[in-house]
Amino acid sequence: MEEVVLKRSWLARYWSLCIKYGIHAEIAEAKYEHWSSFAPCPAEVVLAAGQKAKEENSYMYDDMNERDRFFRDKNEHSGELNIESLLLVEKGLRELASLKVEDAILLAMAQHRRKNILKASNPGADDLKLPIEGQTEVFELSKEESEDVLFKQAWLTYFWRRAKNHGLEIDVADERLQVLINQSTRSPTSHDAVDVERGLVELRKLGIEDQLWEDSRKGFAPHNGNARQENDF
């Protein structure tokens, strides 16, 4: 069930940022209200999972019941969880990707940073700097950009810890975990923003989340007709 909780948190967070930056304004509020009803504190849930994943021998990753208890403690609004819940979440994530929401948010954050720098009459602020592949200059991120990097670092840390403990891409998992743990000891820079986006792409290309889902789905109960219903979002 932890994947459902985390992915609902991802959806709630990015639809809330859509509202903040005026992205897909015609649907953002309804999407946020739906996902936040299940994940009212998305950043707290993901950051807590990432922090727990830094622990080498965390009991949480060896026992499904302990993992479930951890996530239910962090998110009491999760409701009844079943396979249908995850399928709806996956549909929500595909929609987020098809609308290029995350790319639009990264651009909006960079534009917001530039606007704030211009207000401060900082020389050299005319160029819009984006943390992209091949960017050699290191520059300071805004508070919002830093929070986004930390959120994604926690996400990656959680999934690489579970991958390592399940024997998936073991050498890669160990290396990525050490890098992420080291990165978490300092404030994020533009290079960290590039690294975290690259890391998300790598995680998906290797199918880590899909493989972990196949393992977790074994513990899902069949659809319960009395469970809290989710709209087709």
Protein backbone atom coordinates (compact mmCIF):
# COMPACT_ATOMS: atom_id res chain seq x y z
CA MET A 1 0.00 0.00 0.00
CA GLU A 2 2.92 2.35 0.46
CA GLU A 3 3.22 2.99 -3.29
CA VAL A 4 -0.38 4.19 -3.34
CA VAL A 5 0.24 6.59 -0.45
CA LEU A 6 3.44 7.95 -2.00
CA LYS A 7 1.99 8.36 -5.48
CA ARG A 8 -1.13 10.05 -4.15
CA SER A 9 1.25 12.41 -2.35
CA TRP A 10 3.10 13.07 -5.60
CA LEU A 11 -0.16 13.88 -7.38
CA ALA A 12 -1.42 16.11 -4.56
CA ARG A 13 1.86 18.04 -4.46
CA TYR A 14 2.14 18.72 -8.18
CA TRP A 15 -1.49 19.67 -8.65
CA SER A 16 -1.11 22.08 -5.72
CA LEU A 17 1.87 23.64 -7.51
CA CYS A 18 -0.23 23.92 -10.66
CA ILE A 19 -2.68 26.05 -8.69
CA LYS A 20 0.16 28.17 -7.31
CA TYR A 21 1.69 28.87 -10.73
CA GLY A 22 -1.50 29.01 -12.80
CA ILE A 23 -0.80 25.84 -14.78
CA HIS A 24 -3.80 23.98 -16.26
CA ALA A 25 -5.96 26.28 -14.20
CA GLU A 26 -9.17 24.84 -15.68
CA ILE A 27 -8.63 21.46 -13.98
CA ALA A 28 -5.91 21.96 -11.35
CA GLU A 29 -8.16 22.84 -8.43
CA ALA A 30 -10.45 19.85 -8.88
CA LYS A 31 -7.49 17.50 -9.29
CA TYR A 32 -5.81 18.89 -6.19
CA GLU A 33 -8.97 18.63 -4.09
CA HIS A 34 -9.38 15.01 -5.10
CA TRP A 35 -5.81 13.83 -4.44
CA SER A 36 -5.28 15.96 -1.35
CA SER A 37 -8.36 14.36 0.22
CA PHE A 38 -6.23 11.20 0.38
CA ALA A 39 -2.86 12.91 0.89
CA PRO A 40 -3.32 16.18 2.78
CA CYS A 41 0.39 16.41 3.76
CA PRO A 42 2.22 15.13 0.67
CA ALA A 43 5.64 16.63 1.36
CA GLU A 44 5.67 15.37 4.95
CA VAL A 45 4.86 11.80 3.86
CA VAL A 46 7.51 11.60 1.13
CA LEU A 47 10.22 13.35 3.15
CA ALA A 48 9.58 11.03 6.10
CA ALA A 49 9.82 7.98 3.84
CA GLY A 50 13.09 9.26 2.39
CA GLN A 51 14.51 9.95 5.85
CA LYS A 52 13.60 6.45 7.01
CA ALA A 53 15.20 4.98 3.89
CA LYS A 54 18.58 6.41 4.85
CA GLU A 55 18.76 3.89 7.67
CA GLU A 56 20.77 0.88 6.49
CA ASN A 57 18.93 -1.70 8.61
CA SER A 58 15.52 -0.11 8.83
CA TYR A 59 12.95 -2.72 9.85
CA MET A 60 10.47 -0.97 7.65
CA TYR A 61 11.89 -2.41 4.44
CA ASP A 62 11.92 -6.03 5.56
CA ASP A 63 8.37 -6.35 6.80
CA MET A 64 5.30 -5.34 4.79
CA ASN A 65 3.17 -4.93 7.92
CA GLU A 66 5.70 -2.52 9.42
CA ARG A 67 5.83 -0.53 6.17
CA ASP A 68 2.04 -0.35 6.09
CA ARG A 69 1.93 0.82 9.72
CA PHE A 70 4.52 3.50 9.02
CA PHE A 71 2.58 4.93 6.07
CA ARG A 72 -0.78 4.73 7.79
CA ASP A 73 0.68 6.62 10.75
CA LYS A 74 1.91 9.29 8.34
CA ASN A 75 -1.33 9.42 6.35
CA GLU A 76 -4.49 8.61 8.28
CA HIS A 77 -6.61 9.77 5.33
CA SER A 78 -5.46 6.98 3.03
CA GLY A 79 -8.77 5.13 3.30
CA GLU A 80 -9.27 1.55 2.16
CA LEU A 81 -6.51 0.55 -0.24
CA ASN A 82 -6.87 -2.05 -2.96
CA ILE A 83 -5.75 -2.76 -6.49
CA GLU A 84 -8.35 -0.36 -7.88
CA SER A 85 -6.78 2.41 -5.79
CA LEU A 86 -3.40 1.85 -7.40
CA LEU A 87 -4.83 1.63 -10.93
CA LEU A 88 -6.52 5.00 -10.44
CA VAL A 89 -3.27 6.46 -9.11
CA GLU A 90 -1.36 5.11 -12.11
CA LYS A 91 -3.93 6.69 -14.40
CA GLY A 92 -3.45 9.98 -12.56
CA LEU A 93 0.32 9.79 -13.00
CA ARG A 94 -0.04 9.08 -16.73
CA GLU A 95 -2.27 12.13 -17.04
CA LEU A 96 0.28 14.25 -15.18
CA ALA A 97 2.98 13.09 -17.60
CA SER A 98 0.86 13.59 -20.73
CA LEU A 99 0.08 17.16 -19.69
CA LYS A 100 3.81 17.75 -19.03
CA VAL A 101 2.90 19.19 -15.64
CA GLU A 102 6.29 18.65 -14.01
CA ASP A 103 8.17 20.35 -16.87
CA ALA A 104 5.79 23.29 -16.74
CA ILE A 105 6.30 23.62 -12.99
CA LEU A 106 10.11 23.58 -13.29
CA LEU A 107 9.91 26.36 -15.89
CA ALA A 108 7.48 28.37 -13.75
CA MET A 109 9.78 28.08 -10.73
CA ALA A 110 12.76 29.30 -12.78
CA GLN A 111 10.76 32.24 -14.09
CA HIS A 112 9.66 33.08 -10.54
CA ARG A 113 13.29 32.98 -9.37
CA ARG A 114 14.35 35.31 -12.18
CA LYS A 115 11.54 37.74 -11.36
CA ASN A 116 12.64 37.89 -7.72
CA ILE A 117 16.26 38.48 -8.71
CA LEU A 118 15.23 41.29 -11.06
CA LYS A 119 13.27 42.89 -8.23
CA ALA A 120 16.47 42.92 -6.22
CA SER A 121 18.24 44.62 -9.16
CA ASN A 122 20.83 41.88 -9.30
CA PRO A 123 23.20 42.35 -12.28
CA GLY A 124 23.22 39.51 -14.75
CA ALA A 125 19.67 38.42 -13.98
CA ASP A 126 18.37 39.02 -17.50
CA ASP A 127 19.11 35.44 -18.57
CA LEU A 128 16.67 32.78 -17.48
CA LYS A 129 18.80 30.05 -15.92
CA LEU A 130 17.38 26.55 -15.95
CA PRO A 131 18.96 23.54 -14.22
CA ILE A 132 19.33 21.40 -17.35
CA GLU A 133 21.66 18.71 -18.64
CA GLY A 134 24.98 20.16 -19.78
CA GLN A 135 24.71 23.26 -17.59
CA THR A 136 28.24 23.88 -16.30
CA GLU A 137 27.53 26.92 -14.14
CA VAL A 138 26.37 26.21 -10.61
CA PHE A 139 23.75 28.64 -9.36
CA GLU A 140 21.61 28.96 -6.28
CA LEU A 141 18.07 27.68 -6.41
CA SER A 142 15.01 29.44 -5.06
CA LYS A 143 13.31 28.17 -1.91
CA GLU A 144 10.61 26.52 -4.02
CA GLU A 145 13.15 24.85 -6.32
CA SER A 146 15.18 23.60 -3.35
CA GLU A 147 12.05 22.11 -1.77
CA ASP A 148 11.27 20.35 -5.03
CA VAL A 149 14.77 18.85 -5.22
CA LEU A 150 14.56 17.65 -1.61
CA PHE A 151 11.15 16.11 -2.28
CA LYS A 152 12.47 14.21 -5.31
CA GLN A 153 15.66 13.17 -3.51
CA ALA A 154 13.50 11.64 -0.76
CA TRP A 155 11.42 9.84 -3.39
CA LEU A 156 14.53 8.39 -5.03
CA THR A 157 16.07 7.42 -1.69
CA TYR A 158 12.95 5.50 -0.72
CA PHE A 159 12.75 3.54 -3.97
CA TRP A 160 16.48 2.78 -4.20
CA ARG A 161 16.47 1.51 -0.59
CA ARG A 162 13.60 -0.84 -1.37
CA ALA A 163 15.28 -1.88 -4.62
CA LYS A 164 18.49 -2.73 -2.76
CA ASN A 165 16.67 -4.71 -0.09
CA HIS A 166 14.80 -6.63 -2.80
CA GLY A 167 17.99 -7.40 -4.73
CA LEU A 168 17.07 -5.24 -7.73
CA GLU A 169 19.99 -3.64 -9.61
CA ILE A 170 21.97 -4.14 -6.40
CA ASP A 171 25.23 -2.45 -7.48
CA VAL A 172 23.43 0.54 -8.97
CA ALA A 173 21.08 0.77 -5.98
CA ASP A 174 23.92 0.89 -3.48
CA GLU A 175 25.78 3.58 -5.42
CA ARG A 176 22.67 5.72 -5.92
CA LEU A 177 21.77 5.45 -2.23
CA GLN A 178 25.18 6.66 -1.12
CA VAL A 179 25.07 9.61 -3.52
CA LEU A 180 21.57 10.60 -2.38
CA ILE A 181 22.47 10.33 1.29
CA ASN A 182 25.54 12.51 0.74
CA GLN A 183 23.53 15.06 -1.22
CA SER A 184 20.99 15.33 1.59
CA THR A 185 23.62 16.75 3.94
CA ARG A 186 23.86 20.07 2.06
CA SER A 187 21.60 22.62 0.44
CA PRO A 188 20.59 21.73 -3.13
CA THR A 189 22.22 23.51 -6.09
CA SER A 190 21.35 23.62 -9.78
CA HIS A 191 23.55 20.55 -10.31
CA ASP A 192 21.49 18.63 -7.75
CA ALA A 193 18.34 19.64 -9.62
CA VAL A 194 19.80 18.15 -12.81
CA ASP A 195 20.88 14.99 -10.96
CA VAL A 196 17.46 14.41 -9.43
CA GLU A 197 15.68 14.70 -12.78
CA ARG A 198 18.18 12.29 -14.32
CA GLY A 199 17.62 9.97 -11.38
CA LEU A 200 13.86 9.89 -11.90
CA VAL A 201 14.34 9.01 -15.57
CA GLU A 202 16.78 6.24 -14.65
CA LEU A 203 14.42 4.79 -12.03
CA ARG A 204 11.65 4.57 -14.62
CA LYS A 205 13.84 3.19 -17.40
CA LEU A 206 15.06 0.39 -15.13
CA GLY A 207 11.47 -0.38 -14.14
CA ILE A 208 12.27 -0.26 -10.42
CA GLU A 209 8.89 1.13 -9.38
CA ASP A 210 7.04 -1.40 -11.56
CA GLN A 211 8.99 -4.33 -10.12
CA LEU A 212 8.37 -3.18 -6.55
CA TRP A 213 4.70 -2.73 -7.32
CA GLU A 214 4.47 -6.33 -8.53
CA ASP A 215 5.89 -7.39 -5.18
CA SER A 216 3.60 -5.17 -3.13
CA ARG A 217 0.39 -5.97 -5.01
CA LYS A 218 0.48 -9.47 -3.54
CA GLY A 219 -0.53 -7.92 -0.23
CA PHE A 220 -3.51 -6.00 -1.61
CA ALA A 221 -6.98 -7.12 -0.64
CA PRO A 222 -9.59 -7.68 -3.36
CA HIS A 223 -11.88 -4.77 -4.09
CA ASN A 224 -14.11 -4.06 -1.15
CA GLY A 225 -17.55 -2.82 -2.11
CA ASN A 226 -17.82 -0.94 1.19
CA ALA A 227 -14.50 0.86 0.72
CA ARG A 228 -14.36 4.58 0.24
CA GLN A 229 -14.98 5.21 -3.44
CA GLU A 230 -12.64 7.22 -5.65
CA ASN A 231 -13.91 9.17 -8.61
CA ASP A 232 -12.44 8.40 -12.02
CA PHE A 233 -9.79 11.06 -11.95
